[in-house]
Amino acid sequence: MRLDTKDEIYSAMVVYGFLSYNNGYVSIPNKELMDRFSDMVRQKPDFGYMNRLAAESGKMLAATKAADTETMVEILERVHNTESPLIRYSNEAELSKVITFVYLQAREYYDIRLEDRSGTGYVDYIFYPYKKEDDGIIIELKVDGTANSALQQIKDRRYVQNFDGRLGEEPKCTGRILAVGIEYNMKDESKRHECKVEVLRE
């Protein structure tokens, strides 16, 4: 079976149980299916478009670790411009969906949690490395804010504490902790994004 268009791919994902539908949104319902899907799109050339997306997501993770914000912005804008309907382009939920796409391959190396209780608030995305010596990553999104304000929120609300584990537990990460602020200004007609990466802990 060849899967060359997005409609064909999404239809196949529904048939094979990769997608669930709720309140107008489709999603991959659990981590096990996300991991299986991630493996499949890298191994099956017939998945064309999704295979290329997975490859781009590998570049996004590498750029994040290298604090290459220029490459991060380029990938974000390309995916946001091609995957998001204009009517929902400026919605923070839509930006969150784009983040899921661009960090698809990161699921091979990280337990990725959304809206996880952390410090004194809820972090948008937190990446717990399967190998503790790898980098831990915290991502905060802002629409009509700034990437710097996203970084400040990460620090003010002490999201980094989650990597230390609970009292009596071993730390979840012994490597660097990276704070990532991602911003999109819906009033900017050029549809520009901004990314900032800061090392919170060496």
N, C-alpha and C. Protein backbone atom coordinates (compact mmCIF):
# COMPACT_ATOMS: atom_id res chain seq x y z
N MET A 1 0.85 -1.20 0.00
CA MET A 1 0.00 0.00 0.00
C MET A 1 0.88 1.25 0.00
N ARG A 2 0.63 2.14 -0.95
CA ARG A 2 1.37 3.39 -1.00
C ARG A 2 0.59 4.48 -0.29
N LEU A 3 1.31 5.30 0.46
CA LEU A 3 0.69 6.40 1.20
C LEU A 3 1.41 7.67 0.83
N ASP A 4 0.87 8.38 -0.15
CA ASP A 4 1.58 9.53 -0.70
C ASP A 4 1.01 10.88 -0.28
N THR A 5 -0.24 10.90 0.12
CA THR A 5 -0.86 12.17 0.50
C THR A 5 -1.17 12.18 1.98
N LYS A 6 -1.35 13.39 2.53
CA LYS A 6 -1.68 13.49 3.96
C LYS A 6 -3.00 12.80 4.27
N ASP A 7 -3.99 12.92 3.38
CA ASP A 7 -5.28 12.28 3.62
C ASP A 7 -5.13 10.76 3.70
N GLU A 8 -4.32 10.19 2.81
CA GLU A 8 -4.09 8.75 2.83
C GLU A 8 -3.38 8.33 4.12
N ILE A 9 -2.42 9.12 4.53
CA ILE A 9 -1.68 8.81 5.75
C ILE A 9 -2.59 8.87 6.97
N TYR A 10 -3.37 9.95 7.09
CA TYR A 10 -4.26 10.09 8.24
C TYR A 10 -5.31 8.99 8.26
N SER A 11 -5.84 8.61 7.08
CA SER A 11 -6.82 7.54 7.00
C SER A 11 -6.22 6.22 7.48
N ALA A 12 -4.99 5.95 7.04
CA ALA A 12 -4.33 4.72 7.48
C ALA A 12 -4.09 4.73 8.98
N MET A 13 -3.75 5.88 9.52
CA MET A 13 -3.51 5.98 10.96
C MET A 13 -4.78 5.68 11.76
N VAL A 14 -5.93 6.11 11.25
CA VAL A 14 -7.20 5.81 11.91
C VAL A 14 -7.47 4.31 11.85
N VAL A 15 -7.27 3.72 10.67
CA VAL A 15 -7.52 2.29 10.48
C VAL A 15 -6.66 1.45 11.43
N TYR A 16 -5.40 1.83 11.57
CA TYR A 16 -4.49 1.05 12.40
C TYR A 16 -4.52 1.45 13.87
N GLY A 17 -5.41 2.37 14.22
CA GLY A 17 -5.58 2.73 15.62
C GLY A 17 -4.57 3.71 16.16
N PHE A 18 -3.83 4.38 15.27
CA PHE A 18 -2.84 5.35 15.72
C PHE A 18 -3.47 6.66 16.16
N LEU A 19 -4.66 6.96 15.66
CA LEU A 19 -5.28 8.25 15.94
C LEU A 19 -6.57 8.08 16.73
N SER A 20 -6.82 9.01 17.64
CA SER A 20 -8.12 9.13 18.29
C SER A 20 -8.67 10.52 17.97
N TYR A 21 -9.95 10.69 18.14
CA TYR A 21 -10.61 11.95 17.78
C TYR A 21 -11.42 12.42 18.98
N ASN A 22 -11.22 13.70 19.37
CA ASN A 22 -11.96 14.24 20.51
C ASN A 22 -12.07 15.75 20.38
N ASN A 23 -13.29 16.28 20.49
CA ASN A 23 -13.53 17.73 20.48
C ASN A 23 -12.90 18.42 19.27
N GLY A 24 -12.97 17.77 18.11
CA GLY A 24 -12.47 18.40 16.90
C GLY A 24 -10.99 18.25 16.66
N TYR A 25 -10.28 17.52 17.55
CA TYR A 25 -8.84 17.34 17.41
C TYR A 25 -8.51 15.85 17.28
N VAL A 26 -7.53 15.56 16.45
CA VAL A 26 -7.03 14.20 16.38
C VAL A 26 -5.70 14.14 17.11
N SER A 27 -5.42 12.98 17.71
CA SER A 27 -4.16 12.84 18.43
C SER A 27 -3.78 11.37 18.49
N ILE A 28 -2.51 11.11 18.74
CA ILE A 28 -2.04 9.75 18.99
C ILE A 28 -2.29 9.49 20.47
N PRO A 29 -3.10 8.48 20.81
CA PRO A 29 -3.68 8.41 22.15
C PRO A 29 -2.75 8.05 23.29
N ASN A 30 -1.62 7.39 23.02
CA ASN A 30 -0.75 7.04 24.14
C ASN A 30 0.69 6.91 23.68
N LYS A 31 1.59 6.81 24.65
CA LYS A 31 3.02 6.80 24.36
C LYS A 31 3.43 5.56 23.57
N GLU A 32 2.86 4.40 23.89
CA GLU A 32 3.23 3.18 23.18
C GLU A 32 2.94 3.31 21.69
N LEU A 33 1.76 3.84 21.35
CA LEU A 33 1.42 4.02 19.94
C LEU A 33 2.28 5.09 19.29
N MET A 34 2.59 6.16 20.04
CA MET A 34 3.46 7.20 19.50
C MET A 34 4.84 6.62 19.18
N ASP A 35 5.37 5.77 20.06
CA ASP A 35 6.67 5.16 19.82
C ASP A 35 6.63 4.24 18.61
N ARG A 36 5.57 3.44 18.48
CA ARG A 36 5.43 2.54 17.34
C ARG A 36 5.30 3.33 16.04
N PHE A 37 4.53 4.39 16.09
CA PHE A 37 4.36 5.23 14.91
C PHE A 37 5.67 5.89 14.50
N SER A 38 6.41 6.39 15.50
CA SER A 38 7.69 7.03 15.23
C SER A 38 8.65 6.06 14.55
N ASP A 39 8.68 4.81 15.03
CA ASP A 39 9.54 3.78 14.42
C ASP A 39 9.12 3.50 12.98
N MET A 40 7.81 3.38 12.78
CA MET A 40 7.30 3.00 11.47
C MET A 40 7.58 4.06 10.41
N VAL A 41 7.39 5.34 10.75
CA VAL A 41 7.58 6.37 9.73
C VAL A 41 9.03 6.51 9.33
N ARG A 42 9.96 6.10 10.23
CA ARG A 42 11.37 6.14 9.87
C ARG A 42 11.77 4.94 9.00
N GLN A 43 11.06 3.82 9.17
CA GLN A 43 11.46 2.59 8.50
C GLN A 43 10.74 2.35 7.18
N LYS A 44 9.56 2.96 7.00
CA LYS A 44 8.74 2.68 5.83
C LYS A 44 8.80 3.84 4.83
N PRO A 45 9.47 3.64 3.69
CA PRO A 45 9.53 4.71 2.69
C PRO A 45 8.17 5.13 2.18
N ASP A 46 7.18 4.21 2.21
CA ASP A 46 5.85 4.54 1.72
C ASP A 46 5.19 5.66 2.51
N PHE A 47 5.72 5.94 3.69
CA PHE A 47 5.13 7.00 4.49
C PHE A 47 5.65 8.37 4.09
N GLY A 48 6.47 8.42 3.03
CA GLY A 48 6.93 9.65 2.40
C GLY A 48 6.94 10.89 3.27
N TYR A 49 5.82 11.59 3.26
CA TYR A 49 5.69 12.86 3.95
C TYR A 49 6.03 12.75 5.43
N MET A 50 5.46 11.74 6.12
CA MET A 50 5.71 11.59 7.55
C MET A 50 7.16 11.19 7.82
N ASN A 51 7.75 10.43 6.90
CA ASN A 51 9.15 10.06 7.04
C ASN A 51 10.02 11.31 7.00
N ARG A 52 9.71 12.21 6.06
CA ARG A 52 10.48 13.47 5.98
C ARG A 52 10.28 14.31 7.22
N LEU A 53 9.05 14.30 7.76
CA LEU A 53 8.77 15.05 8.98
C LEU A 53 9.58 14.50 10.15
N ALA A 54 9.68 13.18 10.24
CA ALA A 54 10.48 12.57 11.29
C ALA A 54 11.95 12.96 11.17
N ALA A 55 12.45 13.01 9.93
CA ALA A 55 13.84 13.42 9.72
C ALA A 55 14.05 14.86 10.16
N GLU A 56 13.09 15.73 9.82
CA GLU A 56 13.19 17.13 10.24
C GLU A 56 13.16 17.24 11.76
N SER A 57 12.39 16.37 12.41
CA SER A 57 12.30 16.44 13.87
C SER A 57 13.63 16.06 14.51
N GLY A 58 14.40 15.21 13.84
CA GLY A 58 15.74 14.90 14.34
C GLY A 58 16.64 16.13 14.28
N LYS A 59 16.49 16.91 13.21
CA LYS A 59 17.26 18.15 13.09
C LYS A 59 16.85 19.15 14.17
N MET A 60 15.55 19.15 14.49
CA MET A 60 15.06 20.09 15.50
C MET A 60 15.65 19.78 16.87
N LEU A 61 15.71 18.50 17.22
CA LEU A 61 16.28 18.12 18.51
C LEU A 61 17.77 18.48 18.56
N ALA A 62 18.50 18.18 17.48
CA ALA A 62 19.93 18.50 17.43
C ALA A 62 20.15 20.01 17.54
N ALA A 63 19.31 20.79 16.84
CA ALA A 63 19.44 22.25 16.90
C ALA A 63 19.15 22.78 18.30
N THR A 64 18.19 22.18 18.97
CA THR A 64 17.85 22.60 20.33
C THR A 64 19.04 22.38 21.27
N LYS A 65 19.63 21.20 21.18
CA LYS A 65 20.77 20.89 22.06
C LYS A 65 21.97 21.78 21.77
N ALA A 66 22.09 22.21 20.51
CA ALA A 66 23.22 23.08 20.13
C ALA A 66 22.88 24.56 20.28
N ALA A 67 21.66 24.86 20.76
CA ALA A 67 21.18 26.25 20.88
C ALA A 67 21.25 26.97 19.54
N ASP A 68 21.01 26.22 18.46
CA ASP A 68 20.99 26.78 17.10
C ASP A 68 19.58 27.30 16.84
N THR A 69 19.30 28.48 17.34
CA THR A 69 17.93 29.01 17.27
C THR A 69 17.52 29.39 15.85
N GLU A 70 18.47 29.69 15.01
CA GLU A 70 18.14 30.02 13.62
C GLU A 70 17.52 28.80 12.92
N THR A 71 18.13 27.63 13.10
CA THR A 71 17.58 26.41 12.52
C THR A 71 16.25 26.05 13.16
N MET A 72 16.13 26.23 14.47
CA MET A 72 14.88 25.94 15.16
C MET A 72 13.74 26.77 14.58
N VAL A 73 13.98 28.06 14.39
CA VAL A 73 12.96 28.95 13.84
C VAL A 73 12.59 28.52 12.42
N GLU A 74 13.59 28.18 11.63
CA GLU A 74 13.33 27.77 10.24
C GLU A 74 12.41 26.55 10.19
N ILE A 75 12.69 25.55 11.02
CA ILE A 75 11.87 24.33 11.03
C ILE A 75 10.48 24.62 11.58
N LEU A 76 10.39 25.38 12.65
CA LEU A 76 9.09 25.73 13.23
C LEU A 76 8.20 26.46 12.23
N GLU A 77 8.77 27.43 11.56
CA GLU A 77 7.97 28.22 10.62
C GLU A 77 7.52 27.38 9.43
N ARG A 78 8.40 26.50 8.96
CA ARG A 78 8.03 25.66 7.84
C ARG A 78 6.86 24.74 8.20
N VAL A 79 6.95 24.10 9.37
CA VAL A 79 5.88 23.18 9.78
C VAL A 79 4.61 23.94 10.13
N HIS A 80 4.75 25.06 10.83
CA HIS A 80 3.57 25.85 11.21
C HIS A 80 2.85 26.37 9.98
N ASN A 81 3.60 26.82 8.99
CA ASN A 81 2.99 27.38 7.78
C ASN A 81 2.33 26.31 6.90
N THR A 82 2.83 25.09 6.93
CA THR A 82 2.30 24.06 6.05
C THR A 82 1.29 23.15 6.73
N GLU A 83 1.28 23.09 8.06
CA GLU A 83 0.42 22.14 8.76
C GLU A 83 -0.77 22.78 9.47
N SER A 84 -0.76 24.09 9.67
CA SER A 84 -1.80 24.72 10.47
C SER A 84 -2.79 25.47 9.59
N PRO A 85 -4.10 25.15 9.72
CA PRO A 85 -5.10 25.94 9.00
C PRO A 85 -5.03 27.40 9.41
N LEU A 86 -5.19 28.29 8.46
CA LEU A 86 -5.07 29.72 8.76
C LEU A 86 -6.03 30.16 9.86
N ILE A 87 -7.22 29.56 9.90
CA ILE A 87 -8.21 30.00 10.87
C ILE A 87 -7.77 29.73 12.30
N ARG A 88 -6.86 28.73 12.47
CA ARG A 88 -6.40 28.40 13.82
C ARG A 88 -4.91 28.68 13.99
N TYR A 89 -4.32 29.39 13.02
CA TYR A 89 -2.87 29.55 13.00
C TYR A 89 -2.33 30.18 14.28
N SER A 90 -3.06 31.13 14.84
CA SER A 90 -2.55 31.89 15.97
C SER A 90 -2.99 31.33 17.32
N ASN A 91 -3.62 30.18 17.30
CA ASN A 91 -4.10 29.56 18.52
C ASN A 91 -2.93 28.87 19.23
N GLU A 92 -2.83 29.02 20.57
CA GLU A 92 -1.72 28.39 21.29
C GLU A 92 -1.81 26.87 21.22
N ALA A 93 -3.04 26.33 21.15
CA ALA A 93 -3.20 24.88 21.01
C ALA A 93 -2.61 24.41 19.68
N GLU A 94 -2.75 25.23 18.65
CA GLU A 94 -2.20 24.88 17.34
C GLU A 94 -0.67 24.92 17.39
N LEU A 95 -0.12 25.91 18.08
CA LEU A 95 1.33 25.97 18.24
C LEU A 95 1.83 24.75 19.00
N SER A 96 1.06 24.32 19.99
CA SER A 96 1.43 23.12 20.74
C SER A 96 1.45 21.89 19.85
N LYS A 97 0.50 21.79 18.91
CA LYS A 97 0.47 20.67 17.98
C LYS A 97 1.72 20.69 17.10
N VAL A 98 2.13 21.88 16.69
CA VAL A 98 3.34 22.01 15.87
C VAL A 98 4.55 21.50 16.65
N ILE A 99 4.62 21.81 17.94
CA ILE A 99 5.74 21.34 18.77
C ILE A 99 5.76 19.81 18.79
N THR A 100 4.59 19.19 18.89
CA THR A 100 4.52 17.72 18.86
C THR A 100 5.11 17.18 17.57
N PHE A 101 4.81 17.83 16.45
CA PHE A 101 5.35 17.41 15.15
C PHE A 101 6.87 17.57 15.11
N VAL A 102 7.36 18.76 15.47
CA VAL A 102 8.78 19.05 15.24
C VAL A 102 9.70 18.30 16.21
N TYR A 103 9.14 17.78 17.30
CA TYR A 103 9.96 16.99 18.23
C TYR A 103 9.56 15.51 18.20
N LEU A 104 8.98 15.05 17.10
CA LEU A 104 8.52 13.67 17.00
C LEU A 104 9.63 12.67 17.32
N GLN A 105 10.80 12.85 16.74
CA GLN A 105 11.89 11.89 16.93
C GLN A 105 12.45 11.91 18.36
N ALA A 106 12.23 13.00 19.07
CA ALA A 106 12.72 13.10 20.44
C ALA A 106 12.12 12.02 21.34
N ARG A 107 10.96 11.48 20.96
CA ARG A 107 10.31 10.46 21.77
C ARG A 107 11.13 9.17 21.85
N GLU A 108 12.09 9.02 20.96
CA GLU A 108 12.98 7.86 21.02
C GLU A 108 13.94 7.97 22.21
N TYR A 109 14.21 9.19 22.64
CA TYR A 109 15.20 9.43 23.68
C TYR A 109 14.61 10.00 24.97
N TYR A 110 13.35 10.44 24.91
CA TYR A 110 12.76 11.14 26.04
C TYR A 110 11.36 10.65 26.36
N ASP A 111 11.03 10.71 27.64
CA ASP A 111 9.65 10.61 28.10
C ASP A 111 9.12 12.04 28.10
N ILE A 112 8.28 12.38 27.13
CA ILE A 112 7.82 13.76 26.95
C ILE A 112 6.47 13.93 27.63
N ARG A 113 6.39 14.88 28.54
CA ARG A 113 5.15 15.15 29.26
C ARG A 113 4.63 16.54 28.90
N LEU A 114 3.31 16.63 28.73
CA LEU A 114 2.65 17.90 28.44
C LEU A 114 1.90 18.36 29.68
N GLU A 115 1.96 19.68 29.94
CA GLU A 115 1.25 20.27 31.08
C GLU A 115 1.53 19.49 32.36
N ASP A 116 2.80 19.18 32.58
CA ASP A 116 3.19 18.42 33.76
C ASP A 116 3.33 19.34 34.95
N ARG A 117 2.83 18.90 36.09
CA ARG A 117 2.99 19.66 37.33
C ARG A 117 4.47 19.77 37.64
N SER A 118 4.96 21.00 37.82
CA SER A 118 6.39 21.20 37.99
C SER A 118 6.65 22.47 38.76
N GLY A 119 7.54 22.40 39.78
CA GLY A 119 7.84 23.59 40.57
C GLY A 119 6.57 24.18 41.14
N THR A 120 6.29 25.44 40.78
CA THR A 120 5.09 26.10 41.28
C THR A 120 4.05 26.32 40.18
N GLY A 121 4.08 25.49 39.16
CA GLY A 121 3.11 25.65 38.08
C GLY A 121 3.03 24.41 37.21
N TYR A 122 2.60 24.60 35.98
CA TYR A 122 2.48 23.52 35.01
C TYR A 122 3.30 23.89 33.79
N VAL A 123 4.29 23.06 33.47
CA VAL A 123 5.17 23.34 32.35
C VAL A 123 4.51 22.84 31.06
N ASP A 124 4.68 23.60 29.97
CA ASP A 124 4.07 23.21 28.70
C ASP A 124 4.60 21.85 28.23
N TYR A 125 5.91 21.73 28.14
CA TYR A 125 6.54 20.48 27.74
C TYR A 125 7.77 20.25 28.61
N ILE A 126 7.94 19.02 29.07
CA ILE A 126 9.16 18.67 29.79
C ILE A 126 9.65 17.33 29.25
N PHE A 127 10.93 17.26 28.90
CA PHE A 127 11.53 16.08 28.29
C PHE A 127 12.44 15.41 29.33
N TYR A 128 12.00 14.24 29.84
CA TYR A 128 12.82 13.48 30.78
C TYR A 128 13.65 12.47 29.98
N PRO A 129 14.97 12.57 30.04
CA PRO A 129 15.80 11.67 29.23
C PRO A 129 15.76 10.24 29.75
N TYR A 130 15.69 9.27 28.83
CA TYR A 130 15.75 7.86 29.24
C TYR A 130 17.14 7.53 29.79
N LYS A 131 18.16 8.18 29.23
CA LYS A 131 19.51 8.06 29.78
C LYS A 131 19.76 9.30 30.64
N LYS A 132 19.95 9.11 31.91
CA LYS A 132 20.00 10.24 32.85
C LYS A 132 21.10 11.24 32.52
N GLU A 133 22.16 10.76 31.88
CA GLU A 133 23.27 11.66 31.58
C GLU A 133 22.98 12.55 30.38
N ASP A 134 21.90 12.30 29.68
CA ASP A 134 21.54 13.13 28.53
C ASP A 134 20.95 14.46 29.02
N ASP A 135 20.76 15.41 28.09
CA ASP A 135 20.18 16.71 28.45
C ASP A 135 18.69 16.57 28.80
N GLY A 136 18.27 17.26 29.85
CA GLY A 136 16.85 17.43 30.11
C GLY A 136 16.39 18.72 29.44
N ILE A 137 15.14 18.75 28.97
CA ILE A 137 14.66 19.91 28.21
C ILE A 137 13.31 20.36 28.74
N ILE A 138 13.17 21.66 28.94
CA ILE A 138 11.91 22.28 29.35
C ILE A 138 11.52 23.27 28.25
N ILE A 139 10.27 23.16 27.76
CA ILE A 139 9.81 24.07 26.71
C ILE A 139 8.59 24.83 27.19
N GLU A 140 8.63 26.14 27.07
CA GLU A 140 7.49 26.99 27.40
C GLU A 140 7.11 27.78 26.14
N LEU A 141 5.80 27.79 25.84
CA LEU A 141 5.29 28.46 24.65
C LEU A 141 4.62 29.78 25.02
N LYS A 142 4.77 30.76 24.14
CA LYS A 142 4.10 32.04 24.32
C LYS A 142 3.52 32.50 22.99
N VAL A 143 2.25 32.87 23.01
CA VAL A 143 1.63 33.56 21.88
C VAL A 143 1.40 35.00 22.32
N ASP A 144 1.88 35.95 21.51
CA ASP A 144 1.83 37.37 21.87
C ASP A 144 2.60 37.67 23.14
N GLY A 145 3.70 37.00 23.33
CA GLY A 145 4.61 37.29 24.43
C GLY A 145 6.00 37.43 23.86
N THR A 146 6.99 36.96 24.58
CA THR A 146 8.36 36.93 24.06
C THR A 146 9.01 35.63 24.50
N ALA A 147 10.02 35.22 23.75
CA ALA A 147 10.77 34.03 24.14
C ALA A 147 11.47 34.25 25.47
N ASN A 148 11.91 35.49 25.71
CA ASN A 148 12.56 35.80 26.99
C ASN A 148 11.59 35.66 28.16
N SER A 149 10.34 36.07 27.95
CA SER A 149 9.36 35.93 29.04
C SER A 149 9.05 34.46 29.30
N ALA A 150 9.10 33.64 28.26
CA ALA A 150 8.91 32.21 28.43
C ALA A 150 10.05 31.62 29.27
N LEU A 151 11.28 32.04 28.98
CA LEU A 151 12.43 31.57 29.77
C LEU A 151 12.32 32.03 31.21
N GLN A 152 11.86 33.27 31.40
CA GLN A 152 11.74 33.79 32.76
C GLN A 152 10.69 33.01 33.55
N GLN A 153 9.61 32.62 32.89
CA GLN A 153 8.58 31.82 33.57
C GLN A 153 9.13 30.47 34.01
N ILE A 154 9.95 29.86 33.16
CA ILE A 154 10.58 28.58 33.52
C ILE A 154 11.40 28.73 34.79
N LYS A 155 12.13 29.85 34.88
CA LYS A 155 12.98 30.08 36.06
C LYS A 155 12.16 30.48 37.28
N ASP A 156 11.21 31.40 37.08
CA ASP A 156 10.41 31.89 38.21
C ASP A 156 9.59 30.78 38.86
N ARG A 157 9.08 29.87 38.04
CA ARG A 157 8.22 28.80 38.57
C ARG A 157 9.00 27.53 38.90
N ARG A 158 10.32 27.62 38.78
CA ARG A 158 11.23 26.56 39.22
C ARG A 158 10.89 25.20 38.61
N TYR A 159 10.62 25.20 37.32
CA TYR A 159 10.30 23.95 36.63
C TYR A 159 11.44 22.94 36.68
N VAL A 160 12.66 23.44 36.83
CA VAL A 160 13.84 22.57 36.83
C VAL A 160 13.81 21.56 37.97
N GLN A 161 13.04 21.83 39.02
CA GLN A 161 13.00 20.95 40.19
C GLN A 161 12.52 19.54 39.84
N ASN A 162 11.73 19.41 38.79
CA ASN A 162 11.21 18.09 38.45
C ASN A 162 12.31 17.10 38.07
N PHE A 163 13.44 17.62 37.59
CA PHE A 163 14.53 16.72 37.22
C PHE A 163 15.27 16.19 38.45
N ASP A 164 15.05 16.79 39.60
CA ASP A 164 15.71 16.33 40.81
C ASP A 164 15.00 15.13 41.43
N GLY A 165 13.77 14.85 40.99
CA GLY A 165 13.00 13.77 41.59
C GLY A 165 12.42 14.19 42.93
N ARG A 166 11.53 13.38 43.43
CA ARG A 166 10.93 13.66 44.73
C ARG A 166 11.89 13.31 45.84
N LEU A 167 11.58 13.75 47.04
CA LEU A 167 12.43 13.50 48.19
C LEU A 167 12.69 12.00 48.34
N GLY A 168 13.95 11.63 48.39
CA GLY A 168 14.32 10.23 48.54
C GLY A 168 14.49 9.50 47.23
N GLU A 169 14.12 10.15 46.09
CA GLU A 169 14.28 9.52 44.78
C GLU A 169 15.60 9.95 44.14
N GLU A 170 16.07 9.14 43.21
CA GLU A 170 17.24 9.53 42.43
C GLU A 170 16.84 10.61 41.43
N PRO A 171 17.79 11.48 41.04
CA PRO A 171 17.46 12.52 40.04
C PRO A 171 17.09 11.89 38.71
N LYS A 172 16.21 12.55 37.97
CA LYS A 172 15.78 12.06 36.67
C LYS A 172 16.74 12.47 35.56
N CYS A 173 17.64 13.38 35.87
CA CYS A 173 18.60 13.85 34.87
C CYS A 173 19.86 14.33 35.57
N THR A 174 21.01 13.83 35.10
CA THR A 174 22.28 14.29 35.65
C THR A 174 23.06 15.12 34.64
N GLY A 175 22.50 15.25 33.43
CA GLY A 175 23.15 16.05 32.40
C GLY A 175 22.71 17.51 32.48
N ARG A 176 22.92 18.23 31.40
CA ARG A 176 22.49 19.63 31.36
C ARG A 176 20.96 19.72 31.39
N ILE A 177 20.48 20.85 31.91
CA ILE A 177 19.05 21.17 31.81
C ILE A 177 18.92 22.39 30.91
N LEU A 178 18.17 22.23 29.82
CA LEU A 178 17.99 23.31 28.85
C LEU A 178 16.59 23.90 28.98
N ALA A 179 16.52 25.21 29.05
CA ALA A 179 15.25 25.93 29.00
C ALA A 179 15.06 26.46 27.59
N VAL A 180 13.88 26.22 27.02
CA VAL A 180 13.59 26.63 25.64
C VAL A 180 12.33 27.51 25.66
N GLY A 181 12.47 28.73 25.20
CA GLY A 181 11.33 29.62 25.05
C GLY A 181 10.97 29.75 23.59
N ILE A 182 9.72 29.48 23.25
CA ILE A 182 9.26 29.56 21.86
C ILE A 182 8.07 30.50 21.80
N GLU A 183 8.16 31.51 20.93
CA GLU A 183 7.13 32.54 20.86
C GLU A 183 6.64 32.72 19.43
N TYR A 184 5.33 32.99 19.32
CA TYR A 184 4.75 33.39 18.05
C TYR A 184 3.85 34.60 18.29
N ASN A 185 4.08 35.67 17.53
CA ASN A 185 3.29 36.89 17.68
C ASN A 185 2.23 36.91 16.60
N MET A 186 0.96 36.73 16.98
CA MET A 186 -0.12 36.64 16.01
C MET A 186 -0.40 37.97 15.31
N LYS A 187 0.13 39.08 15.85
CA LYS A 187 -0.08 40.39 15.23
C LYS A 187 0.96 40.70 14.17
N ASP A 188 1.99 39.85 14.08
CA ASP A 188 3.07 40.06 13.12
C ASP A 188 2.68 39.41 11.80
N GLU A 189 2.45 40.22 10.77
CA GLU A 189 1.98 39.69 9.48
C GLU A 189 3.02 38.80 8.80
N SER A 190 4.27 38.91 9.19
CA SER A 190 5.31 38.07 8.59
C SER A 190 5.31 36.66 9.18
N LYS A 191 4.49 36.43 10.21
CA LYS A 191 4.37 35.12 10.85
C LYS A 191 5.71 34.61 11.37
N ARG A 192 6.46 35.50 11.96
CA ARG A 192 7.77 35.13 12.49
C ARG A 192 7.65 34.50 13.87
N HIS A 193 8.52 33.52 14.12
CA HIS A 193 8.65 32.89 15.42
C HIS A 193 9.96 33.33 16.05
N GLU A 194 10.04 33.15 17.35
CA GLU A 194 11.28 33.46 18.06
C GLU A 194 11.59 32.30 19.00
N CYS A 195 12.85 31.91 19.04
CA CYS A 195 13.30 30.83 19.94
C CYS A 195 14.50 31.32 20.74
N LYS A 196 14.52 30.94 22.00
CA LYS A 196 15.69 31.21 22.85
C LYS A 196 15.98 29.92 23.63
N VAL A 197 17.24 29.61 23.77
CA VAL A 197 17.67 28.44 24.55
C VAL A 197 18.67 28.90 25.59
N GLU A 198 18.47 28.46 26.81
CA GLU A 198 19.37 28.83 27.91
C GLU A 198 19.70 27.58 28.72
N VAL A 199 20.96 27.45 29.11
CA VAL A 199 21.37 26.33 29.95
C VAL A 199 21.10 26.73 31.40
N LEU A 200 20.17 26.00 32.04
CA LEU A 200 19.85 26.28 33.44
C LEU A 200 20.80 25.60 34.40
N ARG A 201 21.31 24.46 33.97
CA ARG A 201 22.21 23.69 34.84
C ARG A 201 23.17 22.91 33.96
N GLU A 202 24.44 23.02 34.27
CA GLU A 202 25.47 22.27 33.52
C GLU A 202 25.56 20.83 34.01
